[in-house]
Protein backbone atom coordinates (compact mmCIF):
# COMPACT_ATOMS: atom_id res chain seq x y z
CA MET A 1 0.00 0.00 0.00
CA SER A 2 1.40 3.36 -0.97
CA VAL A 3 1.78 6.17 1.62
CA PRO A 4 0.54 9.60 0.60
CA ARG A 5 3.29 12.21 0.12
CA PRO A 6 2.17 14.50 2.98
CA LEU A 7 2.35 11.59 5.44
CA ARG A 8 5.75 10.56 4.15
CA SER A 9 7.00 14.17 4.64
CA TYR A 10 5.51 14.23 8.15
CA GLY A 11 7.19 10.94 9.01
CA ILE A 12 10.51 12.15 7.73
CA GLY A 13 10.10 15.36 9.76
CA LEU A 14 9.41 13.38 12.95
CA ALA A 15 12.43 11.19 12.34
CA VAL A 16 14.70 14.18 11.72
CA GLY A 17 13.26 16.00 14.74
CA ALA A 18 13.79 12.98 16.98
CA ALA A 19 17.35 12.62 15.73
CA LEU A 20 18.05 16.30 16.48
CA MET A 21 16.55 16.01 19.97
CA ALA A 22 18.65 12.92 20.64
CA ALA A 23 21.74 14.76 19.47
CA VAL A 24 20.96 17.73 21.77
CA VAL A 25 20.32 15.47 24.76
CA SER A 26 23.52 13.48 24.23
CA TRP A 27 25.57 16.61 23.51
CA GLY A 28 24.22 18.77 26.34
CA PRO A 29 25.93 17.18 29.37
CA ARG A 30 29.29 17.25 27.67
CA GLN A 31 28.81 20.95 26.93
CA GLU A 32 27.99 21.74 30.57
CA ALA A 33 31.21 20.08 31.78
CA VAL A 34 33.40 22.49 29.80
CA ALA A 35 35.17 24.89 32.21
CA VAL A 36 34.86 28.62 31.52
CA PRO A 37 38.21 30.40 31.84
CA ALA A 38 38.34 32.86 34.80
CA SER A 39 38.54 36.53 33.92
CA PRO A 40 41.75 38.43 34.72
CA VAL A 41 39.96 40.23 37.56
CA VAL A 42 38.91 36.94 39.17
CA ARG A 43 42.40 35.49 38.82
CA GLU A 44 43.94 38.58 40.40
CA ALA A 45 41.53 38.43 43.34
CA GLN A 46 42.35 34.77 43.82
CA ASP A 47 46.07 35.56 43.78
CA VAL A 48 45.62 38.30 46.42
CA ALA A 49 43.58 35.99 48.65
CA ALA A 50 46.19 33.26 48.32
CA ALA A 51 48.92 35.76 49.26
CA PHE A 52 46.96 36.86 52.36
CA ARG A 53 46.49 33.25 53.44
CA HIS A 54 50.20 32.57 52.97
CA VAL A 55 51.25 35.59 55.03
CA ALA A 56 48.75 34.77 57.79
CA ALA A 57 50.01 31.20 58.01
CA GLN A 58 53.61 32.42 58.28
CA VAL A 59 53.03 35.24 60.76
CA THR A 60 50.30 34.01 63.12
CA PRO A 61 52.54 31.61 65.14
CA SER A 62 54.78 34.59 66.00
CA ILE A 63 52.00 36.85 67.35
CA VAL A 64 51.31 36.93 71.10
CA SER A 65 48.63 38.45 73.32
CA ILE A 66 49.72 40.48 76.32
CA THR A 67 47.73 41.29 79.46
CA THR A 68 49.04 43.49 82.27
CA MET A 69 48.08 44.14 85.86
CA THR A 70 49.04 47.12 88.00
CA LYS A 71 48.43 46.90 91.74
CA ALA A 72 46.70 49.61 93.72
CA ARG A 73 49.23 51.78 95.52
CA ARG A 74 49.42 54.87 97.70
CA VAL A 75 50.98 57.89 96.04
CA GLU A 76 51.69 61.42 97.24
CA MET A 77 49.98 64.31 95.54
CA GLN A 78 52.33 66.63 93.73
CA ASP A 79 52.34 70.41 94.12
CA GLY A 80 49.14 71.75 92.78
CA GLY A 81 47.22 68.64 93.86
CA GLU A 82 44.30 68.49 96.22
CA GLN A 83 44.32 71.10 98.94
CA LEU A 84 42.31 71.47 102.14
CA ASP A 85 39.92 74.10 100.83
CA ASP A 86 36.73 75.48 102.32
CA GLU A 87 34.78 72.50 100.99
CA ALA A 88 37.07 70.06 102.78
CA LEU A 89 36.93 72.14 106.02
CA PRO A 90 33.39 73.57 106.11
CA PHE A 91 33.91 75.33 109.47
CA ARG A 92 37.11 77.08 108.49
CA GLU A 93 35.33 80.39 107.93
CA PHE A 94 34.07 80.47 111.52
CA PHE A 95 37.56 80.06 113.05
CA LYS A 96 39.73 81.97 110.59
CA ASP A 97 40.44 84.72 113.16
CA ASP A 98 41.52 82.30 115.90
CA PRO A 99 45.37 82.07 116.01
CA ARG A 100 45.27 78.46 117.18
CA PHE A 101 43.17 77.34 114.21
CA GLN A 102 45.22 79.43 111.80
CA GLU A 103 48.33 77.46 112.81
CA PHE A 104 46.38 74.20 112.42
CA PHE A 105 45.30 75.16 108.92
CA ARG A 106 48.89 76.04 107.95
CA GLN A 107 50.17 72.67 109.19
CA GLN A 108 47.50 70.83 107.25
CA GLN A 109 48.46 72.64 104.07
CA ARG A 110 52.14 71.70 104.53
CA GLN A 111 51.47 68.00 105.08
CA PRO A 112 51.87 65.81 101.97
CA ARG A 113 48.58 64.68 100.52
CA GLN A 114 48.21 61.01 99.59
CA ARG A 115 45.72 58.99 97.61
CA MET A 116 45.27 55.41 96.41
CA THR A 117 45.59 54.67 92.72
CA PRO A 118 43.15 51.99 91.54
CA ARG A 119 44.16 48.53 90.40
CA ARG A 120 44.45 48.60 86.61
CA GLN A 121 44.41 45.96 83.88
CA GLY A 122 45.55 46.38 80.29
CA ALA A 123 45.85 44.39 77.09
CA GLY A 124 47.87 44.49 73.92
CA SER A 125 49.74 42.43 71.36
CA GLY A 126 53.34 41.69 70.51
CA PHE A 127 55.48 39.53 68.27
CA ILE A 128 58.37 37.16 68.83
CA ILE A 129 61.70 38.46 67.51
CA ASP A 130 63.96 35.73 68.94
CA LYS A 131 63.30 32.02 69.35
CA ALA A 132 64.62 32.21 72.93
CA GLY A 133 61.49 34.13 73.99
CA VAL A 134 62.28 37.77 73.27
CA ILE A 135 59.09 39.66 72.38
CA MET A 136 58.55 43.20 71.09
CA THR A 137 55.49 45.21 72.09
CA ASN A 138 54.53 48.81 72.93
CA ASN A 139 55.83 50.83 75.85
CA HIS A 140 52.33 52.04 76.70
CA VAL A 141 51.18 48.41 77.04
CA VAL A 142 53.67 47.32 79.71
CA SER A 143 54.97 50.55 81.26
CA GLY A 144 54.42 50.62 85.03
CA ALA A 145 52.81 47.16 85.12
CA ASP A 146 53.43 44.91 88.12
CA GLU A 147 52.73 41.77 86.08
CA VAL A 148 53.00 41.13 82.33
CA ARG A 149 51.41 37.92 81.12
CA VAL A 150 52.14 36.60 77.60
CA ARG A 151 49.85 34.14 75.83
CA LEU A 152 51.27 32.29 72.82
CA PHE A 153 49.45 31.21 69.69
CA ASP A 154 49.17 27.66 71.04
CA GLY A 155 47.43 28.87 74.21
CA ARG A 156 50.34 28.59 76.66
CA GLU A 157 50.82 31.49 79.08
CA PHE A 158 54.00 32.85 80.68
CA ILE A 159 54.90 35.65 83.07
CA ALA A 160 57.29 38.01 81.29
CA THR A 161 60.54 39.17 82.85
CA ASP A 162 63.40 41.49 81.89
CA ILE A 163 61.04 44.22 80.73
CA LYS A 164 62.83 47.03 78.90
CA THR A 165 60.96 50.11 77.65
CA ASP A 166 61.72 53.08 75.44
CA PRO A 167 59.08 55.81 75.83
CA ARG A 168 60.71 57.88 73.06
CA THR A 169 59.62 55.39 70.42
CA ASP A 170 56.82 53.70 72.42
CA VAL A 171 58.61 50.36 72.02
CA ALA A 172 59.22 47.73 74.70
CA ILE A 173 60.98 44.36 74.93
CA VAL A 174 59.90 41.55 77.28
CA HIS A 175 61.36 38.09 77.81
CA ILE A 176 59.66 34.79 78.60
CA HIS A 177 61.57 31.68 79.73
CA ASP A 178 61.23 27.94 79.16
CA ALA A 179 58.83 28.34 76.23
CA GLY A 180 60.79 26.06 73.92
CA ASN A 181 61.99 26.82 70.42
CA LEU A 182 59.65 29.64 69.36
CA THR A 183 59.06 30.97 65.85
CA PRO A 184 60.42 34.52 65.42
CA ILE A 185 58.74 36.79 62.94
CA LYS A 186 60.61 37.74 59.78
CA LEU A 187 61.28 41.47 59.82
CA GLY A 188 61.16 43.48 56.61
CA ASP A 189 62.57 46.83 55.49
CA SER A 190 60.09 49.64 56.07
CA ARG A 191 62.10 51.88 53.73
CA ALA A 192 61.02 49.66 50.84
CA MET A 193 57.31 50.30 51.48
CA GLU A 194 55.44 52.51 49.03
CA VAL A 195 52.05 54.19 49.15
CA GLY A 196 49.44 51.72 47.92
CA ASP A 197 51.26 48.56 49.10
CA TRP A 198 49.07 45.93 50.75
CA VAL A 199 49.46 45.49 54.51
CA LEU A 200 47.95 43.13 57.09
CA ALA A 201 47.40 43.95 60.77
CA PHE A 202 47.58 41.09 63.29
CA GLY A 203 46.65 41.08 66.94
CA SER A 204 44.03 40.47 69.61
CA PRO A 205 41.88 43.62 69.74
CA PHE A 206 39.50 44.10 72.67
CA GLY A 207 40.85 40.92 74.28
CA LEU A 208 39.61 38.70 71.44
CA ASP A 209 41.61 35.86 69.94
CA MET A 210 43.82 36.31 66.91
CA THR A 211 42.39 38.53 64.17
CA VAL A 212 43.71 39.79 60.84
CA THR A 213 42.68 42.92 58.95
CA GLN A 214 43.91 44.25 55.63
CA GLY A 215 44.49 47.62 54.01
CA ILE A 216 47.10 49.63 52.17
CA ILE A 217 49.90 52.02 53.04
CA SER A 218 48.22 55.43 52.84
CA GLY A 219 51.27 57.63 53.45
CA LYS A 220 54.90 57.77 54.54
CA GLY A 221 56.93 59.66 57.10
CA ARG A 222 54.00 60.84 59.20
CA ALA A 223 54.23 62.28 62.74
CA ARG A 224 51.31 62.78 65.14
CA ASN A 225 53.13 63.83 68.33
CA LEU A 226 52.53 60.42 69.89
CA ALA A 227 56.20 59.76 70.69
CA ASP A 228 59.48 61.66 70.70
CA ARG A 229 60.81 59.80 67.65
CA GLU A 230 58.26 59.38 64.86
CA ASP A 231 58.36 58.21 61.26
CA PHE A 232 55.06 56.39 60.85
CA LEU A 233 53.60 54.45 57.93
CA PRO A 234 49.84 55.13 58.22
CA THR A 235 47.40 52.52 56.93
CA ASP A 236 43.66 52.20 56.46
CA ALA A 237 43.72 48.64 57.84
CA ALA A 238 41.53 48.36 60.92
CA VAL A 239 43.87 48.74 63.90
CA ASN A 240 41.75 48.49 67.05
CA PRO A 241 42.97 48.69 70.67
CA GLY A 242 45.06 45.57 71.21
CA ASN A 243 46.34 45.17 67.67
């Protein structure tokens, strides 16, 4: 029996259509598996992130947290301190013409005035510069402290000794003993830094565990009257109290 031409054309169309659909279905999964090359911007961002991770891994074992404690103590008021004024002696006005009380008032003014300073606690960060336990930190962190406690990256804590300070540069050196073979940080050359260079800030701000922030060098040779000797490299990296 012969098949009319329109039906033959329709059958051929279905067969061709089915073949095309089969080709698309079989070809589709292979097409999806083809990797799209990353753009230059994406590759650069990945390179920067990898560099940050590398630096953090190298530096973090050398960063320490420092806590300080200053005991309460009695100190004498300097000249110009508190005086026995009319508020302290409310009846002074009534006896100011009595010679006996006048002598009493003069003696009270000549006696040294004393007060108690409160017990204080502080916190900061530092970094190991010698494997024997020599650590660099800030003068304002440890100056005047009765106890300086150092916590290492692995959680061990030590009481620091041999504390040396230099208020002129706000730098201090402390020493911990019997900590084993520590990892000193690798120091660079600040003279080689240029505006726009990437920088990372490490530390334990606000008493938190190790944190890292990033930014750039935003200037060179700055002075803000914070120390006698100043040649700062300012940065927009977040540097909170304790970094």
